[in-house]
Protein backbone atom coordinates (compact mmCIF):
# COMPACT_ATOMS: atom_id res chain seq x y z
CA UNK A 1 -56.75 -80.73 -117.39
CA UNK A 2 -58.04 -80.36 -113.77
CA UNK A 3 -60.57 -77.80 -112.60
CA UNK A 4 -57.97 -76.31 -110.23
CA UNK A 5 -55.44 -76.17 -113.07
CA UNK A 6 -58.02 -74.77 -115.64
CA UNK A 7 -58.86 -71.91 -112.80
CA UNK A 8 -55.47 -71.07 -112.28
CA UNK A 9 -54.68 -70.97 -115.83
CA UNK A 10 -57.32 -68.67 -116.71
CA UNK A 11 -56.70 -66.32 -113.47
CA UNK A 12 -52.67 -66.11 -114.83
CA UNK A 13 -53.94 -65.24 -118.45
CA UNK A 14 -56.43 -62.80 -116.68
CA UNK A 15 -58.93 -64.56 -118.99
CA UNK A 16 -61.30 -65.21 -115.46
CA UNK A 17 -64.02 -63.40 -115.12
CA UNK A 18 -64.09 -61.79 -111.21
CA UNK A 19 -67.33 -61.07 -109.53
CA UNK A 20 -67.35 -58.63 -106.30
CA UNK A 21 -70.07 -58.53 -104.58
CA UNK A 22 -70.81 -55.24 -102.24
CA UNK A 23 -69.71 -51.86 -103.91
CA UNK A 24 -68.86 -50.09 -100.66
CA UNK A 25 -65.45 -49.30 -98.85
CA UNK A 26 -63.75 -52.37 -99.70
CA UNK A 27 -65.42 -54.03 -102.50
CA UNK A 28 -64.74 -50.92 -104.64
CA UNK A 29 -61.26 -50.75 -104.13
CA UNK A 30 -60.92 -54.51 -105.11
CA UNK A 31 -63.10 -53.75 -108.36
CA UNK A 32 -60.45 -51.07 -108.94
CA UNK A 33 -57.14 -53.28 -108.25
CA UNK A 34 -58.72 -56.26 -110.40
CA UNK A 35 -59.27 -53.83 -113.19
CA UNK A 36 -56.07 -52.58 -113.37
CA UNK A 37 -55.01 -56.10 -113.59
CA UNK A 38 -56.54 -56.56 -116.65
CA UNK A 39 -59.32 -58.44 -115.24
CA UNK A 40 -62.74 -58.50 -116.97
CA UNK A 41 -64.82 -57.58 -113.85
CA UNK A 42 -68.42 -57.45 -112.63
CA UNK A 43 -69.27 -55.71 -109.63
CA UNK A 44 -73.01 -56.34 -107.80
CA UNK A 45 -74.66 -54.59 -105.71
CA UNK A 46 -78.56 -54.65 -103.96
CA UNK A 47 -78.14 -50.65 -104.48
CA UNK A 48 -79.21 -49.22 -107.56
CA UNK A 49 -78.07 -45.80 -106.94
CA UNK A 50 -74.39 -47.11 -106.29
CA UNK A 51 -74.66 -49.12 -109.58
CA UNK A 52 -75.88 -46.23 -111.60
CA UNK A 53 -72.71 -43.83 -110.57
CA UNK A 54 -70.85 -46.30 -110.81
CA UNK A 55 -71.92 -46.85 -114.78
CA UNK A 56 -71.80 -43.17 -115.18
CA UNK A 57 -68.05 -43.08 -113.63
CA UNK A 58 -69.06 -41.10 -110.38
CA UNK A 59 -67.50 -41.77 -107.05
CA UNK A 60 -69.71 -42.49 -104.03
CA UNK A 61 -66.52 -42.68 -101.31
CA UNK A 62 -65.02 -39.62 -101.44
CA UNK A 63 -61.50 -40.99 -101.53
CA UNK A 64 -61.78 -43.27 -104.69
CA UNK A 65 -61.20 -42.17 -108.01
CA UNK A 66 -63.60 -44.47 -110.25
CA UNK A 67 -62.58 -42.58 -113.45
CA UNK A 68 -60.37 -45.17 -114.72
CA UNK A 69 -63.21 -47.90 -115.19
CA UNK A 70 -64.18 -46.33 -117.85
CA UNK A 71 -60.90 -46.62 -119.74
CA UNK A 72 -61.18 -48.16 -123.22
CA UNK A 73 -59.14 -51.13 -122.22
CA UNK A 74 -60.94 -51.38 -118.94
CA UNK A 75 -63.69 -54.23 -119.00
CA UNK A 76 -66.02 -53.40 -115.87
CA UNK A 77 -69.90 -53.75 -115.46
CA UNK A 78 -71.83 -53.06 -112.12
CA UNK A 79 -75.37 -54.22 -111.84
CA UNK A 80 -77.93 -55.60 -109.30
CA UNK A 81 -78.90 -58.62 -111.54
CA UNK A 82 -77.53 -61.66 -109.32
CA UNK A 83 -78.25 -64.15 -112.03
CA UNK A 84 -74.94 -63.21 -113.56
CA UNK A 85 -73.38 -64.59 -111.24
CA UNK A 86 -72.89 -67.75 -113.59
CA UNK A 87 -70.50 -66.08 -115.51
CA UNK A 88 -67.80 -65.18 -112.99
CA UNK A 89 -65.16 -67.62 -112.04
CA UNK A 90 -63.95 -65.82 -109.46
CA UNK A 91 -66.53 -64.42 -106.77
CA UNK A 92 -65.14 -62.02 -103.95
CA UNK A 93 -67.80 -61.66 -101.25
CA UNK A 94 -67.84 -57.99 -99.38
CA UNK A 95 -70.77 -57.55 -97.80
CA UNK A 96 -71.65 -56.30 -94.04
CA UNK A 97 -71.32 -57.85 -91.02
CA UNK A 98 -72.92 -56.03 -88.41
CA UNK A 99 -74.07 -56.47 -84.83
CA UNK A 100 -77.89 -56.78 -83.89
CA UNK A 101 -79.82 -54.67 -81.43
CA UNK A 102 -78.45 -57.19 -78.98
CA UNK A 103 -74.67 -56.58 -79.90
CA UNK A 104 -75.04 -60.53 -81.39
CA UNK A 105 -73.45 -61.22 -84.82
CA UNK A 106 -75.64 -60.26 -87.86
CA UNK A 107 -74.44 -62.77 -90.80
CA UNK A 108 -78.12 -62.37 -92.57
CA UNK A 109 -76.44 -60.17 -95.61
CA UNK A 110 -73.48 -63.06 -96.00
CA UNK A 111 -75.57 -66.07 -95.53
CA UNK A 112 -78.10 -64.49 -97.65
CA UNK A 113 -75.64 -63.82 -100.80
CA UNK A 114 -74.42 -66.95 -99.96
CA UNK A 115 -78.02 -68.47 -100.88
CA UNK A 116 -77.97 -66.51 -104.04
CA UNK A 117 -74.27 -67.84 -105.32
CA UNK A 118 -75.79 -71.48 -104.54
CA UNK A 119 -78.57 -70.87 -106.93
CA UNK A 120 -75.83 -70.19 -109.36
CA UNK A 121 -72.61 -72.12 -108.27
CA UNK A 122 -70.87 -73.81 -111.27
CA UNK A 123 -68.07 -76.32 -111.09
CA UNK A 124 -64.58 -74.47 -111.63
CA UNK A 125 -65.70 -71.43 -109.50
CA UNK A 126 -63.35 -69.84 -106.65
CA UNK A 127 -65.76 -68.40 -103.57
CA UNK A 128 -63.75 -65.49 -101.27
CA UNK A 129 -65.35 -64.25 -98.25
CA UNK A 130 -63.73 -60.95 -96.78
CA UNK A 131 -66.23 -59.81 -94.60
CA UNK A 132 -65.02 -59.90 -90.97
CA UNK A 133 -66.44 -63.24 -89.00
CA UNK A 134 -66.01 -65.41 -86.19
CA UNK A 135 -64.00 -68.53 -87.30
CA UNK A 136 -65.99 -71.20 -88.85
CA UNK A 137 -68.31 -68.70 -90.80
CA UNK A 138 -66.59 -69.98 -93.98
CA UNK A 139 -66.00 -73.81 -93.73
CA UNK A 140 -68.78 -74.42 -91.51
CA UNK A 141 -71.82 -72.29 -92.38
CA UNK A 142 -71.21 -71.26 -95.64
CA UNK A 143 -70.07 -74.63 -96.70
CA UNK A 144 -73.45 -75.89 -95.31
CA UNK A 145 -75.12 -73.87 -97.87
CA UNK A 146 -72.94 -73.92 -100.77
CA UNK A 147 -73.16 -77.93 -100.76
CA UNK A 148 -76.76 -77.85 -100.83
CA UNK A 149 -76.25 -77.32 -104.77
CA UNK A 150 -74.87 -80.89 -104.85
CA UNK A 151 -71.28 -79.56 -105.84
CA UNK A 152 -68.74 -80.21 -103.09
CA UNK A 153 -65.87 -77.48 -102.25
CA UNK A 154 -62.49 -78.29 -103.00
CA UNK A 155 -63.20 -80.93 -105.60
CA UNK A 156 -66.14 -79.21 -107.49
CA UNK A 157 -65.66 -75.55 -106.57
CA UNK A 158 -63.21 -73.36 -104.14
CA UNK A 159 -63.72 -71.85 -100.90
CA UNK A 160 -61.54 -69.18 -99.38
CA UNK A 161 -61.34 -66.64 -96.57
CA UNK A 162 -59.19 -63.41 -97.19
CA UNK A 163 -60.08 -60.73 -94.68
CA UNK A 164 -60.13 -57.35 -95.68
CA UNK A 165 -57.47 -54.78 -94.18
CA UNK A 166 -59.05 -51.31 -95.66
CA UNK A 167 -58.54 -48.28 -94.14
CA UNK A 168 -59.98 -45.66 -95.89
CA UNK A 169 -57.69 -42.76 -97.04
CA UNK A 170 -54.48 -43.97 -95.70
CA UNK A 171 -51.96 -42.62 -97.97
CA UNK A 172 -49.42 -44.85 -96.40
CA UNK A 173 -50.92 -47.76 -97.40
CA UNK A 174 -53.44 -49.45 -100.12
CA UNK A 175 -55.23 -52.10 -101.29
CA UNK A 176 -52.43 -53.23 -103.33
CA UNK A 177 -49.47 -52.64 -100.63
CA UNK A 178 -50.88 -53.63 -97.51
CA UNK A 179 -50.21 -57.83 -97.04
CA UNK A 180 -53.35 -60.13 -97.63
CA UNK A 181 -53.91 -62.92 -95.53
CA UNK A 182 -55.57 -66.14 -97.76
CA UNK A 183 -57.01 -69.01 -95.79
CA UNK A 184 -58.82 -72.08 -98.06
CA UNK A 185 -60.94 -75.10 -97.17
CA UNK A 186 -58.64 -76.91 -99.10
CA UNK A 187 -55.10 -77.08 -100.45
CA UNK A 188 -56.76 -76.28 -103.76
CA UNK A 189 -58.85 -73.74 -102.58
CA UNK A 190 -55.65 -72.26 -101.11
CA UNK A 191 -54.08 -72.25 -104.18
CA UNK A 192 -56.95 -70.82 -106.48
CA UNK A 193 -57.28 -67.64 -103.71
CA UNK A 194 -53.85 -66.99 -103.42
CA UNK A 195 -53.03 -67.23 -107.11
CA UNK A 196 -56.06 -64.62 -107.53
CA UNK A 197 -54.91 -62.54 -104.96
CA UNK A 198 -51.45 -62.40 -105.87
CA UNK A 199 -52.33 -60.24 -108.91
CA UNK A 200 -53.48 -57.30 -106.95
CA UNK A 201 -51.27 -57.36 -104.38
CA UNK A 202 -47.62 -57.21 -103.29
CA UNK A 203 -47.16 -59.90 -101.03
CA UNK A 204 -49.71 -62.90 -100.06
CA UNK A 205 -49.67 -64.47 -96.63
CA UNK A 206 -50.91 -68.14 -96.99
CA UNK A 207 -52.24 -69.61 -94.04
CA UNK A 208 -53.37 -73.37 -93.13
CA UNK A 209 -57.35 -73.00 -93.12
CA UNK A 210 -59.98 -70.41 -93.38
CA UNK A 211 -60.56 -70.32 -89.32
CA UNK A 212 -56.96 -69.26 -89.17
CA UNK A 213 -57.38 -66.19 -91.36
CA UNK A 214 -60.74 -65.46 -89.80
CA UNK A 215 -59.15 -65.41 -86.28
CA UNK A 216 -56.37 -63.37 -87.66
CA UNK A 217 -58.90 -60.45 -88.34
CA UNK A 218 -60.45 -60.53 -85.07
CA UNK A 219 -57.24 -60.52 -83.56
CA UNK A 220 -55.89 -57.50 -85.65
CA UNK A 221 -59.24 -55.32 -84.57
CA UNK A 222 -59.33 -56.75 -81.01
CA UNK A 223 -55.47 -55.95 -80.31
CA UNK A 224 -56.27 -52.39 -81.43
CA UNK A 225 -59.68 -52.23 -79.30
CA UNK A 226 -58.23 -53.36 -75.96
CA UNK A 227 -55.60 -50.75 -76.18
CA UNK A 228 -57.95 -47.54 -77.29
CA UNK A 229 -59.81 -49.01 -74.37
CA UNK A 230 -56.74 -48.76 -72.11
CA UNK A 231 -55.98 -45.13 -73.34
CA UNK A 232 -59.43 -44.07 -72.93
CA UNK A 233 -59.69 -44.95 -69.36
CA UNK A 234 -56.40 -43.78 -68.52
CA UNK A 235 -57.48 -40.45 -70.34
CA UNK A 236 -60.36 -40.00 -67.79
CA UNK A 237 -58.06 -41.34 -64.74
CA UNK A 238 -55.19 -38.72 -65.82
CA UNK A 239 -58.06 -35.95 -66.06
CA UNK A 240 -58.60 -36.10 -62.49
CA UNK A 241 -55.22 -36.19 -61.77
CA UNK A 242 -54.50 -33.15 -63.69
CA UNK A 243 -52.03 -34.78 -66.37
CA UNK A 244 -52.57 -34.46 -69.92
CA UNK A 245 -52.59 -38.06 -71.95
CA UNK A 246 -51.64 -36.70 -74.68
CA UNK A 247 -48.25 -35.60 -73.50
CA UNK A 248 -47.84 -38.65 -71.67
CA UNK A 249 -48.31 -41.35 -75.16
CA UNK A 250 -46.13 -38.31 -76.75
CA UNK A 251 -43.28 -39.25 -74.19
CA UNK A 252 -43.84 -42.81 -73.83
CA UNK A 253 -43.86 -43.33 -77.89
CA UNK A 254 -39.77 -42.46 -78.15
CA UNK A 255 -39.18 -45.76 -76.35
CA UNK A 256 -37.94 -47.70 -79.31
CA UNK A 257 -39.15 -50.78 -78.30
CA UNK A 258 -41.63 -52.34 -76.00
CA UNK A 259 -44.47 -49.44 -76.90
CA UNK A 260 -47.00 -48.67 -79.87
CA UNK A 261 -49.13 -45.52 -79.42
CA UNK A 262 -52.52 -45.44 -79.27
CA UNK A 263 -55.01 -42.21 -78.88
CA UNK A 264 -58.42 -41.70 -77.27
CA UNK A 265 -61.19 -40.07 -78.67
CA UNK A 266 -64.83 -39.81 -77.96
CA UNK A 267 -65.50 -42.91 -78.88
CA UNK A 268 -64.92 -45.77 -81.38
CA UNK A 269 -66.05 -45.99 -85.04
CA UNK A 270 -65.63 -47.50 -88.40
CA UNK A 271 -66.93 -50.92 -89.49
CA UNK A 272 -64.02 -53.09 -87.62
CA UNK A 273 -62.86 -51.91 -84.23
CA UNK A 274 -66.85 -51.38 -82.44
CA UNK A 275 -67.93 -54.49 -83.80
CA UNK A 276 -65.36 -57.46 -84.96
CA UNK A 277 -64.48 -58.19 -81.44
CA UNK A 278 -68.01 -59.31 -80.27
CA UNK A 279 -68.23 -61.65 -82.81
CA UNK A 280 -65.49 -63.40 -81.12
CA UNK A 281 -67.29 -62.93 -77.74
CA UNK A 282 -70.52 -64.55 -79.23
CA UNK A 283 -68.59 -67.78 -80.55
CA UNK A 284 -66.68 -68.08 -77.34
CA UNK A 285 -69.79 -68.83 -75.57
CA UNK A 286 -70.31 -71.94 -77.34
CA UNK A 287 -67.07 -73.17 -76.15
CA UNK A 288 -67.85 -72.04 -72.58
CA UNK A 289 -65.83 -69.48 -72.29
CA UNK A 290 -66.23 -65.39 -71.80
CA UNK A 291 -63.82 -62.97 -73.12
CA UNK A 292 -62.95 -60.43 -70.27
CA UNK A 293 -61.15 -58.34 -71.86
CA UNK A 294 -62.85 -57.76 -74.88
CA UNK A 295 -65.75 -57.33 -72.86
CA UNK A 296 -64.49 -54.82 -70.56
CA UNK A 297 -62.67 -53.10 -73.45
CA UNK A 298 -66.12 -53.04 -75.00
CA UNK A 299 -67.25 -51.01 -71.72
CA UNK A 300 -65.19 -48.40 -71.34
CA UNK A 301 -65.15 -47.77 -75.70
CA UNK A 302 -69.01 -47.38 -75.58
CA UNK A 303 -69.23 -45.30 -72.45
CA UNK A 304 -66.93 -42.69 -73.74
CA UNK A 305 -69.64 -40.52 -75.64
CA UNK A 306 -71.59 -40.15 -72.30
CA UNK A 307 -67.95 -39.35 -70.32
CA UNK A 308 -67.58 -36.48 -73.46
CA UNK A 309 -71.12 -35.10 -72.93
CA UNK A 310 -70.11 -35.24 -68.87
CA UNK A 311 -67.53 -32.95 -69.54
CA UNK A 312 -69.27 -30.81 -71.64
CA UNK A 313 -71.83 -30.41 -69.03
CA UNK A 314 -68.94 -29.56 -66.98
CA UNK A 315 -67.69 -26.75 -69.01
CA UNK A 316 -71.06 -25.33 -69.31
CA UNK A 317 -71.55 -25.29 -65.85
CA UNK A 318 -68.45 -23.09 -65.14
CA UNK A 319 -70.04 -20.57 -67.65
CA UNK A 320 -73.37 -20.28 -65.54
CA UNK A 321 -75.31 -22.58 -68.42
CA UNK A 322 -77.10 -25.84 -68.71
CA UNK A 323 -76.94 -28.02 -71.07
CA UNK A 324 -80.86 -27.91 -71.84
CA UNK A 325 -81.43 -25.41 -74.33
CA UNK A 326 -77.98 -24.48 -75.13
CA UNK A 327 -76.85 -24.49 -78.51
CA UNK A 328 -73.58 -27.27 -79.39
CA UNK A 329 -71.93 -27.18 -82.72
CA UNK A 330 -70.44 -30.84 -83.06
CA UNK A 331 -67.15 -30.34 -85.73
CA UNK A 332 -67.07 -33.68 -87.37
CA UNK A 333 -69.55 -36.49 -88.36
CA UNK A 334 -66.93 -38.96 -89.87
CA UNK A 335 -65.23 -41.82 -87.93
CA UNK A 336 -61.90 -40.16 -88.45
CA UNK A 337 -60.61 -37.58 -90.36
CA UNK A 338 -60.50 -36.80 -94.03
CA UNK A 339 -62.97 -39.28 -94.92
CA UNK A 340 -66.90 -39.46 -95.63
CA UNK A 341 -67.60 -42.47 -93.56
CA UNK A 342 -70.10 -42.41 -90.79
CA UNK A 343 -70.46 -45.96 -90.14
CA UNK A 344 -70.33 -46.47 -86.04
CA UNK A 345 -69.27 -42.72 -85.74
CA UNK A 346 -68.98 -41.58 -81.88
CA UNK A 347 -70.52 -38.50 -83.59
CA UNK A 348 -74.16 -39.87 -83.84
CA UNK A 349 -74.28 -41.02 -80.22
CA UNK A 350 -72.94 -37.86 -79.05
CA UNK A 351 -75.86 -36.10 -81.14
CA UNK A 352 -78.62 -38.71 -79.60
CA UNK A 353 -77.58 -37.79 -76.19
CA UNK A 354 -76.93 -34.37 -76.25
CA UNK A 355 -80.19 -33.69 -78.18
CA UNK A 356 -81.94 -36.55 -75.48
CA UNK A 357 -80.85 -33.83 -72.79
CA UNK A 358 -82.09 -30.91 -74.36
CA UNK A 359 -79.65 -29.55 -75.97
CA UNK A 360 -79.88 -27.58 -79.85
CA UNK A 361 -77.61 -29.97 -81.36
CA UNK A 362 -75.73 -28.26 -84.97
CA UNK A 363 -73.17 -29.92 -86.79
CA UNK A 364 -70.35 -29.29 -89.75
CA UNK A 365 -68.37 -32.00 -91.75
CA UNK A 366 -67.15 -30.82 -95.23
CA UNK A 367 -67.49 -34.15 -96.49
CA UNK A 368 -71.33 -35.31 -94.90
CA UNK A 369 -74.03 -32.41 -96.07
CA UNK A 370 -76.53 -34.66 -94.59
CA UNK A 371 -76.72 -37.04 -92.02
CA UNK A 372 -78.21 -40.13 -93.81
CA UNK A 373 -81.18 -42.78 -92.58
CA UNK A 374 -78.49 -45.47 -90.28
CA UNK A 375 -79.85 -48.93 -88.98
CA UNK A 376 -79.67 -47.16 -85.70
CA UNK A 377 -80.07 -43.50 -85.92
CA UNK A 378 -82.36 -41.64 -88.11
CA UNK A 379 -80.96 -37.94 -87.28
CA UNK A 380 -82.47 -35.51 -89.91
CA UNK A 381 -79.90 -32.80 -89.82
CA UNK A 382 -77.79 -31.00 -92.71
CA UNK A 383 -74.39 -29.95 -92.00
CA UNK A 384 -73.92 -26.15 -91.03
CA UNK A 385 -71.20 -23.50 -92.93
CA UNK A 386 -67.92 -23.35 -90.71
CA UNK A 387 -68.15 -19.35 -90.14
CA UNK A 388 -66.84 -17.01 -87.45
CA UNK A 389 -71.12 -16.42 -86.84
CA UNK A 390 -71.76 -19.94 -86.68
CA UNK A 391 -68.79 -20.44 -84.04
CA UNK A 392 -69.72 -17.40 -81.52
CA UNK A 393 -73.30 -18.37 -81.65
CA UNK A 394 -72.88 -21.69 -80.33
CA UNK A 395 -73.17 -22.27 -76.27
CA UNK A 396 -70.28 -24.61 -76.77
CA UNK A 397 -68.04 -26.34 -79.78
CA UNK A 398 -67.64 -29.89 -79.63
CA UNK A 399 -64.95 -30.98 -81.47
CA UNK A 400 -65.37 -34.49 -82.29
CA UNK A 401 -63.17 -35.30 -85.64
CA UNK A 402 -60.07 -33.81 -86.34
CA UNK A 403 -60.48 -33.09 -90.12
CA UNK A 404 -57.44 -31.34 -91.54
CA UNK A 405 -59.18 -28.68 -92.92
CA UNK A 406 -60.65 -27.35 -89.29
CA UNK A 407 -57.88 -24.31 -88.24
CA UNK A 408 -57.70 -24.29 -84.52
CA UNK A 409 -56.81 -20.55 -84.79
CA UNK A 410 -60.00 -19.76 -86.32
CA UNK A 411 -62.00 -21.97 -84.10
CA UNK A 412 -60.31 -20.51 -80.58
CA UNK A 413 -60.41 -16.85 -82.02
CA UNK A 414 -64.72 -17.29 -82.67
CA UNK A 415 -65.70 -20.03 -79.92
CA UNK A 416 -66.58 -18.93 -76.98
CA UNK A 417 -66.25 -22.64 -75.06
CA UNK A 418 -64.84 -25.49 -76.77
CA UNK A 419 -64.65 -29.17 -75.72
CA UNK A 420 -61.80 -30.62 -77.90
CA UNK A 421 -61.60 -35.04 -77.68
CA UNK A 422 -59.04 -34.68 -80.33
CA UNK A 423 -56.07 -32.47 -78.83
CA UNK A 424 -56.88 -29.99 -82.15
CA UNK A 425 -56.96 -27.12 -80.04
CA UNK A 426 -53.10 -28.25 -78.55
CA UNK A 427 -50.63 -25.80 -79.87
CA UNK A 428 -53.43 -22.93 -79.00
CA UNK A 429 -51.41 -20.58 -76.38
CA UNK A 430 -54.69 -19.28 -75.00
CA UNK A 431 -56.74 -22.09 -73.00
CA UNK A 432 -58.99 -20.50 -70.89
CA UNK A 433 -62.11 -21.57 -73.21
CA UNK A 434 -60.89 -25.02 -74.18
CA UNK A 435 -61.72 -27.96 -72.04
CA UNK A 436 -60.23 -31.55 -73.07
CA UNK A 437 -62.64 -34.56 -73.07
């Protein structure tokens, strides 16, 4: 039996072992789905704390329930021992792809992981990358590393790219229900990857190459980045014109064709939109091209925290107060509502700017009790309790994340000044102390 036929047979019979590298917001949902589908799953991560928590059936991600991983019929192991990669028939890579301090792609996690895989690579394995990256990462960069093993992609092992489409805590779409784009280095590579993913998602979208799949993911996020920048820019313009951008958007979205609503905010957050577009910007330079839309959108979006602080300073000034020495309470640290994910959260940048200008900054987030140390930030703060006293004691309450647990009425009753970046206070009728930003 040919290697491809043997692997597909194993996948279909659920006798294939699936290894998932990176047990974060992308990898952990995949682990859960592969386990539910009946596979023997090995989860790999360099963070021993994550591994230990999973072994104890404890989740470190708020919206993910991992209790099912300890059921008697589930075969799951979490480990920091990458020497076990040889046991896996299918290896899915879900590691971070951040930007460095110069806003250039940092693919060290992908390449280091690929080098480790190459050490244990054997015939008949499928390697699939899910991390967002520029076109050519899979069939050029990763391929060169893996082929140093002496094995050939498409013949001895199978190489694919299938971009993650996770949206944490989205109640309408999940890992299993979101259509999954799959690209392979060769037709056999595509066949293997498509067969694997078809076991856990309702619909796969096979494409002709890994480059097409990589570019698809970038287009999705660039589309969002550019449109968010558009409404952020319009928000600043309409504010000067005395026009409420939120009412404009709500009116425009009644058009049943040709319009999709996007909403302004204090800046971009999350693991995709603030980062991924710049992977293509960097790659474009190799082709003597500039990505003007992407760069302009990035300029607008990265400037939003500064705009918010400017509006906050104006609000304080109207109360006869300066920002320096004022107590600012930030509501929400997560990059979007009702999750515990602070990756690239604009709240962190807001904190940094406000503290640099001499403000006394506190925050409340029911899902993030303490600010963890980040690649770009080291802010040692813990969440304060949201009480009437805490609100009234602040010179300004800055709403950065619209968690549903926040009561607009409670905030309005006790806060003397509110700067609202998320339109949380839209239904409050008495608005003398509320400024939108």
